[in-house]
Amino acid sequence: MKLSISDLAYAGFRYHDFCQLPKTCGLEFFYEFGTPTYWDTVLPLMLEGRQNGVSVHGPCVQVNLAMDENVRFLEVFLDTFQYAQKIGAEFVVVHTNESLPEEDSFILRQRVVQKLALLLQLGKAMGVTPVIENVGLRSSGSLLFDREQFLELPQIFPEAGFLLDVGHAHVNGWNLAATVRALGHRLKGCHLHDNDGTGDQHQYLGNGTIQWAPSLRP
């Protein structure tokens, strides 16, 4: 098992703190929250001596695949994929959606599927591996793909990889162990954090109500 740590809590000058973390952990970083010049400067320092490589979290502020007017998504992801290609990232995390426009859910899912198809094609052409993450929370009204609908995506995209955000899944009442089994070899990674089931609280493991021992057993 490979363990990586997100840079989300170490932006800006705090990257020095990240550099002090155990070298046995890899790095997932949010590319859109820094310039290429910034990453060219700090990534070598953050990755020095690390054993588990690097992955990129794709844009989640500039891009919402569910929005019809979000026409620059390919341009933004092209930039992200180019940087991932440059540093040899293992994969790039892609969200299905952020907030939800006031449109029919079926239409929104169709729109997202169409855009995911384009992103997967772009990734394949560039030698970059996009992985699709489960996002959206029923507690905040942003859940577009429930468990059954999310698990249809591997059938729609037979060559795609997936990432299970355990915290999101817990808030939405998913059976974690069954979801892990259903994704099988298509599951390329997990985002591990805890919560009490009411919101995306990003607590330390054990500080919430996720039953960890049975949840991620193959």
N, C-alpha and C. Protein backbone atom coordinates (compact mmCIF):
# COMPACT_ATOMS: atom_id res chain seq x y z
N MET A 1 0.84 -1.20 0.00
CA MET A 1 0.00 0.00 0.00
C MET A 1 0.88 1.25 0.00
N LYS A 2 0.55 2.19 -0.88
CA LYS A 2 1.25 3.47 -0.92
C LYS A 2 0.45 4.52 -0.16
N LEU A 3 1.13 5.30 0.65
CA LEU A 3 0.48 6.39 1.38
C LEU A 3 1.05 7.71 0.92
N SER A 4 0.16 8.63 0.58
CA SER A 4 0.56 9.99 0.20
C SER A 4 -0.18 10.99 1.08
N ILE A 5 0.38 12.17 1.19
CA ILE A 5 -0.21 13.24 1.99
C ILE A 5 -0.54 14.40 1.06
N SER A 6 -1.73 14.98 1.24
CA SER A 6 -2.13 16.14 0.45
C SER A 6 -1.39 17.37 0.92
N ASP A 7 -1.08 18.24 -0.03
CA ASP A 7 -0.42 19.50 0.32
C ASP A 7 -1.42 20.57 0.74
N LEU A 8 -2.71 20.23 0.80
CA LEU A 8 -3.76 21.24 0.98
C LEU A 8 -3.55 22.06 2.25
N ALA A 9 -2.98 21.44 3.28
CA ALA A 9 -2.76 22.17 4.54
C ALA A 9 -1.38 22.83 4.59
N TYR A 10 -0.64 22.76 3.47
CA TYR A 10 0.75 23.23 3.50
C TYR A 10 1.04 24.25 2.40
N ALA A 11 0.03 25.00 2.02
CA ALA A 11 0.20 25.95 0.92
C ALA A 11 1.12 27.10 1.33
N GLY A 12 1.69 27.74 0.30
CA GLY A 12 2.52 28.92 0.55
C GLY A 12 3.76 28.59 1.36
N PHE A 13 4.06 29.42 2.36
CA PHE A 13 5.28 29.23 3.15
C PHE A 13 5.27 27.95 3.96
N ARG A 14 4.09 27.32 4.13
CA ARG A 14 4.03 26.11 4.96
C ARG A 14 4.59 24.89 4.24
N TYR A 15 5.01 25.03 2.99
CA TYR A 15 5.61 23.88 2.34
C TYR A 15 6.86 23.42 3.09
N HIS A 16 7.48 24.32 3.85
CA HIS A 16 8.62 23.93 4.67
C HIS A 16 8.21 22.87 5.69
N ASP A 17 6.99 23.02 6.24
CA ASP A 17 6.49 22.03 7.20
C ASP A 17 6.27 20.69 6.52
N PHE A 18 5.74 20.74 5.28
CA PHE A 18 5.53 19.50 4.55
C PHE A 18 6.85 18.75 4.37
N CYS A 19 7.91 19.47 4.12
CA CYS A 19 9.20 18.85 3.87
C CYS A 19 9.70 18.06 5.08
N GLN A 20 9.14 18.35 6.26
CA GLN A 20 9.57 17.65 7.47
C GLN A 20 8.78 16.37 7.72
N LEU A 21 7.76 16.10 6.93
CA LEU A 21 6.94 14.91 7.12
C LEU A 21 7.72 13.65 6.73
N PRO A 22 7.32 12.49 7.23
CA PRO A 22 8.06 11.26 6.93
C PRO A 22 8.25 11.04 5.43
N LYS A 23 9.46 10.65 5.05
CA LYS A 23 9.79 10.47 3.65
C LYS A 23 9.14 9.21 3.06
N THR A 24 8.56 8.38 3.93
CA THR A 24 7.88 7.18 3.43
C THR A 24 6.56 7.53 2.75
N CYS A 25 6.08 8.76 2.94
CA CYS A 25 4.82 9.21 2.33
C CYS A 25 5.08 9.94 1.03
N GLY A 26 4.22 9.72 0.05
CA GLY A 26 4.27 10.46 -1.19
C GLY A 26 3.52 11.78 -1.05
N LEU A 27 3.20 12.38 -2.18
CA LEU A 27 2.58 13.71 -2.21
C LEU A 27 1.46 13.75 -3.23
N GLU A 28 0.30 14.27 -2.81
CA GLU A 28 -0.74 14.70 -3.75
C GLU A 28 -0.83 16.21 -3.62
N PHE A 29 -0.73 16.91 -4.74
CA PHE A 29 -0.79 18.37 -4.64
C PHE A 29 -1.84 18.95 -5.58
N PHE A 30 -2.40 20.08 -5.14
CA PHE A 30 -3.45 20.78 -5.87
C PHE A 30 -2.79 21.78 -6.82
N TYR A 31 -2.63 21.38 -8.06
CA TYR A 31 -1.88 22.17 -9.03
C TYR A 31 -2.47 23.57 -9.21
N GLU A 32 -3.80 23.70 -9.21
CA GLU A 32 -4.42 24.98 -9.52
C GLU A 32 -4.18 26.04 -8.45
N PHE A 33 -3.69 25.63 -7.27
CA PHE A 33 -3.49 26.58 -6.18
C PHE A 33 -2.08 27.17 -6.17
N GLY A 34 -1.33 26.97 -7.24
CA GLY A 34 -0.01 27.59 -7.37
C GLY A 34 0.33 27.77 -8.83
N THR A 35 1.28 28.62 -9.12
CA THR A 35 1.73 28.84 -10.50
C THR A 35 2.76 27.77 -10.86
N PRO A 36 2.98 27.53 -12.16
CA PRO A 36 4.04 26.59 -12.54
C PRO A 36 5.40 26.97 -11.95
N THR A 37 5.70 28.27 -11.89
CA THR A 37 6.96 28.71 -11.31
C THR A 37 7.05 28.32 -9.84
N TYR A 38 5.94 28.48 -9.11
CA TYR A 38 5.91 28.08 -7.70
C TYR A 38 6.19 26.59 -7.57
N TRP A 39 5.46 25.77 -8.34
CA TRP A 39 5.65 24.32 -8.23
C TRP A 39 7.04 23.91 -8.69
N ASP A 40 7.57 24.55 -9.73
CA ASP A 40 8.93 24.22 -10.16
C ASP A 40 9.94 24.48 -9.05
N THR A 41 9.62 25.44 -8.18
CA THR A 41 10.53 25.78 -7.08
C THR A 41 10.37 24.85 -5.89
N VAL A 42 9.11 24.60 -5.48
CA VAL A 42 8.90 23.89 -4.21
C VAL A 42 8.78 22.37 -4.36
N LEU A 43 8.32 21.89 -5.53
CA LEU A 43 8.13 20.44 -5.66
C LEU A 43 9.42 19.65 -5.48
N PRO A 44 10.54 20.09 -6.07
CA PRO A 44 11.77 19.32 -5.83
C PRO A 44 12.11 19.21 -4.34
N LEU A 45 11.83 20.25 -3.57
CA LEU A 45 12.11 20.22 -2.14
C LEU A 45 11.13 19.30 -1.42
N MET A 46 9.86 19.36 -1.81
CA MET A 46 8.84 18.53 -1.16
C MET A 46 8.99 17.05 -1.49
N LEU A 47 9.52 16.76 -2.68
CA LEU A 47 9.62 15.38 -3.13
C LEU A 47 10.97 14.75 -2.83
N GLU A 48 11.92 15.53 -2.40
CA GLU A 48 13.26 15.00 -2.18
C GLU A 48 13.24 13.85 -1.17
N GLY A 49 13.71 12.69 -1.60
CA GLY A 49 13.79 11.54 -0.72
C GLY A 49 12.49 10.78 -0.52
N ARG A 50 11.41 11.22 -1.12
CA ARG A 50 10.12 10.54 -0.91
C ARG A 50 10.06 9.25 -1.71
N GLN A 51 9.37 8.28 -1.14
CA GLN A 51 9.41 6.93 -1.68
C GLN A 51 8.16 6.54 -2.47
N ASN A 52 7.09 7.32 -2.36
CA ASN A 52 5.82 6.87 -2.95
C ASN A 52 5.29 7.79 -4.04
N GLY A 53 6.16 8.57 -4.65
CA GLY A 53 5.78 9.30 -5.85
C GLY A 53 4.84 10.46 -5.62
N VAL A 54 4.23 10.91 -6.71
CA VAL A 54 3.42 12.12 -6.67
C VAL A 54 2.19 11.94 -7.55
N SER A 55 1.08 12.51 -7.10
CA SER A 55 -0.14 12.59 -7.91
C SER A 55 -0.64 14.02 -7.86
N VAL A 56 -1.49 14.36 -8.80
CA VAL A 56 -2.00 15.72 -8.94
C VAL A 56 -3.49 15.72 -8.71
N HIS A 57 -3.97 16.64 -7.88
CA HIS A 57 -5.41 16.84 -7.75
C HIS A 57 -5.83 17.87 -8.80
N GLY A 58 -6.74 17.47 -9.66
CA GLY A 58 -7.17 18.34 -10.73
C GLY A 58 -7.98 19.52 -10.24
N PRO A 59 -8.28 20.46 -11.12
CA PRO A 59 -8.97 21.70 -10.74
C PRO A 59 -10.36 21.45 -10.18
N CYS A 60 -10.63 22.05 -9.02
CA CYS A 60 -11.94 21.92 -8.40
C CYS A 60 -12.53 23.30 -8.05
N VAL A 61 -11.83 24.36 -8.41
CA VAL A 61 -12.35 25.72 -8.24
C VAL A 61 -12.65 26.33 -9.60
N GLN A 62 -11.72 26.19 -10.53
CA GLN A 62 -11.91 26.76 -11.86
C GLN A 62 -12.89 25.96 -12.71
N VAL A 63 -13.12 24.70 -12.33
CA VAL A 63 -13.89 23.80 -13.18
C VAL A 63 -15.05 23.18 -12.40
N ASN A 64 -16.23 23.19 -13.00
CA ASN A 64 -17.37 22.42 -12.52
C ASN A 64 -17.99 21.77 -13.74
N LEU A 65 -17.75 20.47 -13.91
CA LEU A 65 -18.19 19.79 -15.13
C LEU A 65 -19.70 19.77 -15.30
N ALA A 66 -20.43 20.03 -14.23
CA ALA A 66 -21.89 20.01 -14.33
C ALA A 66 -22.46 21.30 -14.91
N MET A 67 -21.64 22.34 -15.01
CA MET A 67 -22.13 23.63 -15.48
C MET A 67 -21.97 23.76 -16.99
N ASP A 68 -23.05 24.08 -17.67
CA ASP A 68 -23.04 24.21 -19.12
C ASP A 68 -22.14 25.34 -19.57
N GLU A 69 -22.09 26.43 -18.78
CA GLU A 69 -21.30 27.59 -19.17
C GLU A 69 -19.82 27.44 -18.86
N ASN A 70 -19.43 26.34 -18.23
CA ASN A 70 -18.03 26.13 -17.91
C ASN A 70 -17.32 25.57 -19.15
N VAL A 71 -17.09 26.45 -20.13
CA VAL A 71 -16.59 26.02 -21.43
C VAL A 71 -15.07 25.92 -21.48
N ARG A 72 -14.37 26.40 -20.45
CA ARG A 72 -12.90 26.40 -20.46
C ARG A 72 -12.32 25.16 -19.78
N PHE A 73 -13.16 24.18 -19.47
CA PHE A 73 -12.67 23.04 -18.69
C PHE A 73 -11.55 22.30 -19.39
N LEU A 74 -11.63 22.16 -20.73
CA LEU A 74 -10.57 21.45 -21.46
C LEU A 74 -9.27 22.23 -21.41
N GLU A 75 -9.35 23.55 -21.55
CA GLU A 75 -8.16 24.39 -21.49
C GLU A 75 -7.47 24.28 -20.13
N VAL A 76 -8.30 24.32 -19.07
CA VAL A 76 -7.75 24.25 -17.71
C VAL A 76 -7.14 22.87 -17.46
N PHE A 77 -7.82 21.81 -17.87
CA PHE A 77 -7.29 20.48 -17.67
C PHE A 77 -6.09 20.21 -18.56
N LEU A 78 -6.04 20.79 -19.75
CA LEU A 78 -4.87 20.64 -20.60
C LEU A 78 -3.63 21.15 -19.88
N ASP A 79 -3.76 22.33 -19.26
CA ASP A 79 -2.65 22.88 -18.50
C ASP A 79 -2.25 21.95 -17.36
N THR A 80 -3.25 21.42 -16.65
CA THR A 80 -2.98 20.50 -15.55
C THR A 80 -2.31 19.22 -16.03
N PHE A 81 -2.83 18.65 -17.12
CA PHE A 81 -2.26 17.42 -17.67
C PHE A 81 -0.83 17.64 -18.15
N GLN A 82 -0.57 18.80 -18.74
CA GLN A 82 0.78 19.09 -19.21
C GLN A 82 1.77 19.11 -18.06
N TYR A 83 1.34 19.67 -16.92
CA TYR A 83 2.24 19.71 -15.78
C TYR A 83 2.40 18.31 -15.19
N ALA A 84 1.31 17.56 -15.13
CA ALA A 84 1.39 16.18 -14.64
C ALA A 84 2.31 15.34 -15.52
N GLN A 85 2.23 15.57 -16.81
CA GLN A 85 3.09 14.87 -17.76
C GLN A 85 4.56 15.24 -17.51
N LYS A 86 4.80 16.51 -17.27
CA LYS A 86 6.16 17.02 -17.06
C LYS A 86 6.84 16.37 -15.86
N ILE A 87 6.08 16.16 -14.77
CA ILE A 87 6.69 15.65 -13.54
C ILE A 87 6.51 14.15 -13.37
N GLY A 88 5.85 13.51 -14.33
CA GLY A 88 5.65 12.06 -14.25
C GLY A 88 4.69 11.64 -13.16
N ALA A 89 3.61 12.41 -12.98
CA ALA A 89 2.62 12.08 -11.94
C ALA A 89 1.96 10.73 -12.23
N GLU A 90 1.62 10.02 -11.17
CA GLU A 90 0.98 8.72 -11.34
C GLU A 90 -0.43 8.86 -11.90
N PHE A 91 -1.16 9.88 -11.44
CA PHE A 91 -2.50 10.12 -11.95
C PHE A 91 -2.94 11.53 -11.61
N VAL A 92 -4.05 11.95 -12.23
CA VAL A 92 -4.66 13.25 -11.96
C VAL A 92 -6.09 13.00 -11.51
N VAL A 93 -6.46 13.52 -10.34
CA VAL A 93 -7.80 13.34 -9.79
C VAL A 93 -8.78 14.28 -10.49
N VAL A 94 -9.93 13.74 -10.90
CA VAL A 94 -10.96 14.52 -11.58
C VAL A 94 -12.26 14.40 -10.80
N HIS A 95 -12.85 15.56 -10.44
CA HIS A 95 -14.17 15.57 -9.79
C HIS A 95 -15.26 15.52 -10.85
N THR A 96 -16.35 14.83 -10.55
CA THR A 96 -17.48 14.82 -11.48
C THR A 96 -18.20 16.17 -11.47
N ASN A 97 -18.26 16.81 -10.31
CA ASN A 97 -19.00 18.07 -10.21
C ASN A 97 -18.61 18.75 -8.91
N GLU A 98 -18.99 20.01 -8.80
CA GLU A 98 -18.86 20.74 -7.54
C GLU A 98 -20.28 21.06 -7.08
N SER A 99 -20.68 22.32 -7.11
CA SER A 99 -22.08 22.66 -6.82
C SER A 99 -22.96 22.23 -7.99
N LEU A 100 -24.28 22.25 -7.79
CA LEU A 100 -25.20 21.81 -8.83
C LEU A 100 -26.05 22.97 -9.35
N PRO A 101 -26.06 23.18 -10.67
CA PRO A 101 -26.99 24.15 -11.25
C PRO A 101 -28.43 23.67 -11.07
N GLU A 102 -29.37 24.58 -11.22
CA GLU A 102 -30.78 24.22 -11.06
C GLU A 102 -31.31 23.64 -12.37
N GLU A 103 -30.88 22.42 -12.65
CA GLU A 103 -31.31 21.70 -13.85
C GLU A 103 -31.64 20.26 -13.46
N ASP A 104 -32.29 19.57 -14.36
CA ASP A 104 -32.63 18.18 -14.13
C ASP A 104 -31.37 17.34 -13.91
N SER A 105 -31.39 16.49 -12.89
CA SER A 105 -30.21 15.71 -12.53
C SER A 105 -29.76 14.79 -13.66
N PHE A 106 -30.70 14.23 -14.39
CA PHE A 106 -30.34 13.35 -15.50
C PHE A 106 -29.54 14.12 -16.55
N ILE A 107 -30.00 15.32 -16.88
CA ILE A 107 -29.30 16.15 -17.86
C ILE A 107 -27.90 16.50 -17.35
N LEU A 108 -27.79 16.82 -16.07
CA LEU A 108 -26.49 17.16 -15.50
C LEU A 108 -25.54 15.97 -15.57
N ARG A 109 -26.04 14.78 -15.25
CA ARG A 109 -25.17 13.60 -15.31
C ARG A 109 -24.73 13.32 -16.74
N GLN A 110 -25.62 13.48 -17.70
CA GLN A 110 -25.25 13.29 -19.10
C GLN A 110 -24.17 14.28 -19.52
N ARG A 111 -24.31 15.52 -19.07
CA ARG A 111 -23.31 16.55 -19.39
C ARG A 111 -21.95 16.17 -18.80
N VAL A 112 -21.96 15.73 -17.55
CA VAL A 112 -20.70 15.35 -16.90
C VAL A 112 -20.07 14.16 -17.62
N VAL A 113 -20.86 13.17 -17.98
CA VAL A 113 -20.34 12.00 -18.67
C VAL A 113 -19.70 12.40 -20.00
N GLN A 114 -20.33 13.29 -20.72
CA GLN A 114 -19.77 13.75 -22.00
C GLN A 114 -18.43 14.45 -21.79
N LYS A 115 -18.33 15.26 -20.75
CA LYS A 115 -17.08 15.98 -20.49
C LYS A 115 -16.00 15.03 -19.96
N LEU A 116 -16.40 14.06 -19.14
CA LEU A 116 -15.43 13.07 -18.68
C LEU A 116 -14.85 12.30 -19.86
N ALA A 117 -15.68 11.98 -20.84
CA ALA A 117 -15.20 11.26 -22.02
C ALA A 117 -14.11 12.06 -22.73
N LEU A 118 -14.32 13.36 -22.85
CA LEU A 118 -13.31 14.21 -23.49
C LEU A 118 -12.03 14.27 -22.67
N LEU A 119 -12.16 14.34 -21.35
CA LEU A 119 -10.97 14.40 -20.50
C LEU A 119 -10.19 13.09 -20.54
N LEU A 120 -10.91 11.97 -20.58
CA LEU A 120 -10.23 10.68 -20.66
C LEU A 120 -9.51 10.52 -22.00
N GLN A 121 -10.12 11.03 -23.06
CA GLN A 121 -9.46 11.00 -24.37
C GLN A 121 -8.21 11.87 -24.36
N LEU A 122 -8.31 13.04 -23.75
CA LEU A 122 -7.17 13.96 -23.67
C LEU A 122 -6.05 13.32 -22.86
N GLY A 123 -6.41 12.72 -21.73
CA GLY A 123 -5.40 12.08 -20.91
C GLY A 123 -4.69 10.96 -21.64
N LYS A 124 -5.44 10.15 -22.35
CA LYS A 124 -4.85 9.03 -23.10
C LYS A 124 -3.88 9.55 -24.15
N ALA A 125 -4.27 10.62 -24.85
CA ALA A 125 -3.42 11.19 -25.89
C ALA A 125 -2.12 11.74 -25.32
N MET A 126 -2.17 12.19 -24.06
CA MET A 126 -0.99 12.81 -23.45
C MET A 126 -0.22 11.85 -22.56
N GLY A 127 -0.70 10.61 -22.41
CA GLY A 127 -0.02 9.68 -21.55
C GLY A 127 -0.21 9.98 -20.07
N VAL A 128 -1.32 10.63 -19.74
CA VAL A 128 -1.65 10.99 -18.36
C VAL A 128 -2.87 10.16 -17.94
N THR A 129 -2.89 9.73 -16.68
CA THR A 129 -3.98 8.89 -16.19
C THR A 129 -4.95 9.69 -15.32
N PRO A 130 -6.13 10.07 -15.84
CA PRO A 130 -7.15 10.69 -14.98
C PRO A 130 -7.86 9.62 -14.16
N VAL A 131 -8.15 9.91 -12.89
CA VAL A 131 -8.97 9.01 -12.07
C VAL A 131 -10.17 9.80 -11.57
N ILE A 132 -11.34 9.18 -11.59
CA ILE A 132 -12.60 9.86 -11.30
C ILE A 132 -12.95 9.66 -9.84
N GLU A 133 -13.15 10.78 -9.13
CA GLU A 133 -13.44 10.74 -7.70
C GLU A 133 -14.93 10.92 -7.43
N ASN A 134 -15.44 10.21 -6.41
CA ASN A 134 -16.81 10.44 -5.95
C ASN A 134 -16.87 11.72 -5.12
N VAL A 135 -17.71 12.63 -5.53
CA VAL A 135 -17.85 13.90 -4.83
C VAL A 135 -19.33 14.22 -4.65
N GLY A 136 -19.60 15.33 -3.98
CA GLY A 136 -20.98 15.72 -3.71
C GLY A 136 -21.44 15.14 -2.39
N LEU A 137 -22.22 15.93 -1.66
CA LEU A 137 -22.70 15.52 -0.34
C LEU A 137 -24.22 15.69 -0.29
N ARG A 138 -24.90 14.63 0.13
CA ARG A 138 -26.36 14.75 0.23
C ARG A 138 -26.74 15.78 1.28
N SER A 139 -25.89 15.98 2.30
CA SER A 139 -26.19 16.94 3.36
C SER A 139 -26.14 18.38 2.88
N SER A 140 -25.45 18.63 1.77
CA SER A 140 -25.38 20.00 1.24
C SER A 140 -26.08 20.14 -0.10
N GLY A 141 -26.73 19.07 -0.56
CA GLY A 141 -27.49 19.14 -1.82
C GLY A 141 -26.64 19.13 -3.07
N SER A 142 -25.38 18.66 -2.97
CA SER A 142 -24.50 18.67 -4.15
C SER A 142 -24.23 17.27 -4.69
N LEU A 143 -24.95 16.26 -4.20
CA LEU A 143 -24.73 14.89 -4.66
C LEU A 143 -25.41 14.67 -6.01
N LEU A 144 -24.62 14.44 -7.05
CA LEU A 144 -25.16 14.21 -8.40
C LEU A 144 -25.14 12.73 -8.75
N PHE A 145 -24.08 12.03 -8.39
CA PHE A 145 -23.96 10.60 -8.64
C PHE A 145 -24.06 9.87 -7.30
N ASP A 146 -25.19 9.20 -7.05
CA ASP A 146 -25.26 8.38 -5.85
C ASP A 146 -24.41 7.12 -6.08
N ARG A 147 -24.42 6.22 -5.12
CA ARG A 147 -23.52 5.06 -5.21
C ARG A 147 -23.79 4.25 -6.48
N GLU A 148 -25.04 3.95 -6.76
CA GLU A 148 -25.38 3.14 -7.92
C GLU A 148 -24.98 3.85 -9.21
N GLN A 149 -25.23 5.15 -9.27
CA GLN A 149 -24.90 5.91 -10.47
C GLN A 149 -23.39 6.05 -10.64
N PHE A 150 -22.67 6.21 -9.53
CA PHE A 150 -21.21 6.29 -9.61
C PHE A 150 -20.63 4.96 -10.09
N LEU A 151 -21.20 3.85 -9.62
CA LEU A 151 -20.69 2.55 -10.01
C LEU A 151 -21.08 2.15 -11.42
N GLU A 152 -21.91 2.97 -12.08
CA GLU A 152 -22.17 2.77 -13.50
C GLU A 152 -21.04 3.33 -14.36
N LEU A 153 -20.27 4.27 -13.80
CA LEU A 153 -19.22 4.92 -14.58
C LEU A 153 -18.13 3.95 -15.05
N PRO A 154 -17.71 2.96 -14.24
CA PRO A 154 -16.74 1.99 -14.77
C PRO A 154 -17.25 1.22 -15.98
N GLN A 155 -18.57 1.05 -16.08
CA GLN A 155 -19.12 0.38 -17.26
C GLN A 155 -19.15 1.32 -18.45
N ILE A 156 -19.43 2.59 -18.19
CA ILE A 156 -19.45 3.59 -19.27
C ILE A 156 -18.04 3.83 -19.80
N PHE A 157 -17.07 3.83 -18.87
CA PHE A 157 -15.67 4.10 -19.22
C PHE A 157 -14.82 2.89 -18.82
N PRO A 158 -14.75 1.87 -19.67
CA PRO A 158 -14.07 0.62 -19.29
C PRO A 158 -12.58 0.77 -19.02
N GLU A 159 -11.96 1.86 -19.51
CA GLU A 159 -10.52 2.01 -19.33
C GLU A 159 -10.19 3.02 -18.22
N ALA A 160 -11.20 3.57 -17.58
CA ALA A 160 -10.96 4.63 -16.59
C ALA A 160 -10.56 4.05 -15.24
N GLY A 161 -9.76 4.82 -14.50
CA GLY A 161 -9.47 4.51 -13.11
C GLY A 161 -10.35 5.36 -12.20
N PHE A 162 -10.44 4.95 -10.94
CA PHE A 162 -11.32 5.64 -10.00
C PHE A 162 -10.61 5.86 -8.67
N LEU A 163 -11.08 6.89 -7.96
CA LEU A 163 -10.57 7.20 -6.63
C LEU A 163 -11.76 7.31 -5.70
N LEU A 164 -11.70 6.58 -4.58
CA LEU A 164 -12.78 6.60 -3.60
C LEU A 164 -12.43 7.56 -2.48
N ASP A 165 -13.20 8.63 -2.36
CA ASP A 165 -13.08 9.52 -1.21
C ASP A 165 -13.95 8.93 -0.10
N VAL A 166 -13.28 8.37 0.91
CA VAL A 166 -13.98 7.63 1.94
C VAL A 166 -14.86 8.56 2.77
N GLY A 167 -14.39 9.78 3.03
CA GLY A 167 -15.18 10.74 3.79
C GLY A 167 -16.47 11.11 3.08
N HIS A 168 -16.38 11.39 1.78
CA HIS A 168 -17.58 11.71 1.00
C HIS A 168 -18.56 10.53 1.03
N ALA A 169 -18.01 9.34 0.80
CA ALA A 169 -18.87 8.14 0.76
C ALA A 169 -19.58 7.92 2.09
N HIS A 170 -18.88 8.18 3.20
CA HIS A 170 -19.48 7.98 4.52
C HIS A 170 -20.63 8.94 4.75
N VAL A 171 -20.44 10.22 4.39
CA VAL A 171 -21.53 11.20 4.54
C VAL A 171 -22.75 10.77 3.74
N ASN A 172 -22.51 10.14 2.60
CA ASN A 172 -23.61 9.77 1.71
C ASN A 172 -24.17 8.38 2.00
N GLY A 173 -23.68 7.75 3.07
CA GLY A 173 -24.25 6.48 3.50
C GLY A 173 -23.87 5.28 2.66
N TRP A 174 -22.75 5.35 1.94
CA TRP A 174 -22.34 4.24 1.11
C TRP A 174 -21.76 3.11 1.96
N ASN A 175 -21.97 1.90 1.53
CA ASN A 175 -21.29 0.75 2.13
C ASN A 175 -19.87 0.74 1.58
N LEU A 176 -18.91 1.09 2.42
CA LEU A 176 -17.54 1.30 1.95
C LEU A 176 -16.90 0.01 1.45
N ALA A 177 -17.02 -1.06 2.23
CA ALA A 177 -16.40 -2.32 1.83
C ALA A 177 -16.98 -2.82 0.51
N ALA A 178 -18.29 -2.71 0.34
CA ALA A 178 -18.92 -3.17 -0.89
C ALA A 178 -18.50 -2.30 -2.08
N THR A 179 -18.31 -1.01 -1.83
CA THR A 179 -17.87 -0.11 -2.91
C THR A 179 -16.45 -0.43 -3.33
N VAL A 180 -15.58 -0.70 -2.36
CA VAL A 180 -14.21 -1.09 -2.69
C VAL A 180 -14.21 -2.36 -3.53
N ARG A 181 -15.01 -3.33 -3.13
CA ARG A 181 -15.08 -4.59 -3.89
C ARG A 181 -15.63 -4.35 -5.30
N ALA A 182 -16.64 -3.49 -5.40
CA ALA A 182 -17.25 -3.24 -6.71
C ALA A 182 -16.27 -2.57 -7.67
N LEU A 183 -15.45 -1.67 -7.17
CA LEU A 183 -14.48 -0.99 -8.03
C LEU A 183 -13.30 -1.89 -8.38
N GLY A 184 -12.97 -2.81 -7.48
CA GLY A 184 -11.93 -3.80 -7.77
C GLY A 184 -10.62 -3.19 -8.22
N HIS A 185 -10.05 -3.75 -9.30
CA HIS A 185 -8.75 -3.28 -9.78
C HIS A 185 -8.83 -1.89 -10.40
N ARG A 186 -10.04 -1.39 -10.62
CA ARG A 186 -10.19 -0.05 -11.19
C ARG A 186 -9.94 1.03 -10.14
N LEU A 187 -9.93 0.64 -8.86
CA LEU A 187 -9.70 1.58 -7.77
C LEU A 187 -8.20 1.87 -7.68
N LYS A 188 -7.80 3.09 -8.02
CA LYS A 188 -6.38 3.46 -8.07
C LYS A 188 -5.92 4.17 -6.79
N GLY A 189 -6.85 4.62 -5.95
CA GLY A 189 -6.46 5.29 -4.73
C GLY A 189 -7.67 5.65 -3.90
N CYS A 190 -7.42 6.06 -2.66
CA CYS A 190 -8.47 6.51 -1.75
C CYS A 190 -8.04 7.80 -1.08
N HIS A 191 -8.98 8.68 -0.84
CA HIS A 191 -8.76 9.83 0.03
C HIS A 191 -9.25 9.42 1.41
N LEU A 192 -8.36 9.38 2.38
CA LEU A 192 -8.68 8.90 3.72
C LEU A 192 -8.78 10.06 4.70
N HIS A 193 -9.96 10.26 5.24
CA HIS A 193 -10.20 11.23 6.30
C HIS A 193 -11.52 10.84 6.96
N ASP A 194 -11.79 11.39 8.12
CA ASP A 194 -12.92 10.93 8.92
C ASP A 194 -13.94 12.04 9.11
N ASN A 195 -15.16 11.67 9.48
CA ASN A 195 -16.20 12.63 9.82
C ASN A 195 -17.29 11.90 10.60
N ASP A 196 -18.27 12.66 11.08
CA ASP A 196 -19.34 12.05 11.88
C ASP A 196 -20.56 11.69 11.05
N GLY A 197 -20.43 11.76 9.72
CA GLY A 197 -21.53 11.40 8.83
C GLY A 197 -22.44 12.54 8.45
N THR A 198 -22.21 13.73 9.00
CA THR A 198 -23.08 14.87 8.71
C THR A 198 -22.47 15.86 7.73
N GLY A 199 -21.14 15.82 7.56
CA GLY A 199 -20.48 16.79 6.69
C GLY A 199 -19.05 16.38 6.41
N ASP A 200 -18.44 17.06 5.45
CA ASP A 200 -17.09 16.74 4.99
C ASP A 200 -16.08 17.43 5.90
N GLN A 201 -15.85 16.86 7.08
CA GLN A 201 -15.11 17.54 8.14
C GLN A 201 -13.60 17.33 8.10
N HIS A 202 -13.14 16.39 7.31
CA HIS A 202 -11.69 16.11 7.17
C HIS A 202 -11.01 15.97 8.53
N GLN A 203 -11.56 15.10 9.37
CA GLN A 203 -10.97 14.81 10.67
C GLN A 203 -9.87 13.75 10.54
N TYR A 204 -9.04 13.67 11.59
CA TYR A 204 -8.08 12.57 11.65
C TYR A 204 -8.83 11.23 11.69
N LEU A 205 -8.20 10.19 11.13
CA LEU A 205 -8.79 8.86 11.20
C LEU A 205 -8.98 8.46 12.65
N GLY A 206 -10.20 8.02 12.96
CA GLY A 206 -10.52 7.64 14.33
C GLY A 206 -11.26 8.71 15.09
N ASN A 207 -11.30 9.94 14.56
CA ASN A 207 -12.00 11.03 15.22
C ASN A 207 -13.45 11.17 14.76
N GLY A 208 -13.88 10.29 13.86
CA GLY A 208 -15.25 10.32 13.37
C GLY A 208 -15.93 8.99 13.61
N THR A 209 -16.88 8.65 12.75
CA THR A 209 -17.68 7.44 12.95
C THR A 209 -17.46 6.38 11.88
N ILE A 210 -16.44 6.56 11.02
CA ILE A 210 -16.13 5.52 10.03
C ILE A 210 -15.54 4.31 10.73
N GLN A 211 -16.05 3.14 10.40
CA GLN A 211 -15.51 1.88 10.93
C GLN A 211 -14.40 1.42 9.99
N TRP A 212 -13.17 1.77 10.33
CA TRP A 212 -12.07 1.61 9.39
C TRP A 212 -11.70 0.14 9.13
N ALA A 213 -11.65 -0.65 10.16
CA ALA A 213 -11.14 -2.03 9.99
C ALA A 213 -11.92 -2.80 8.92
N PRO A 214 -13.25 -2.82 8.96
CA PRO A 214 -13.98 -3.58 7.93
C PRO A 214 -14.19 -2.80 6.64
N SER A 215 -14.03 -1.48 6.66
CA SER A 215 -14.44 -0.68 5.50
C SER A 215 -13.57 -0.87 4.29
N LEU A 216 -12.26 -0.97 4.47
CA LEU A 216 -11.35 -1.01 3.33
C LEU A 216 -10.71 -2.38 3.13
N ARG A 217 -11.26 -3.40 3.79
CA ARG A 217 -10.74 -4.74 3.60
C ARG A 217 -11.16 -5.23 2.22
N PRO A 218 -10.22 -5.76 1.41
CA PRO A 218 -10.56 -6.23 0.05
C PRO A 218 -11.64 -7.30 0.06
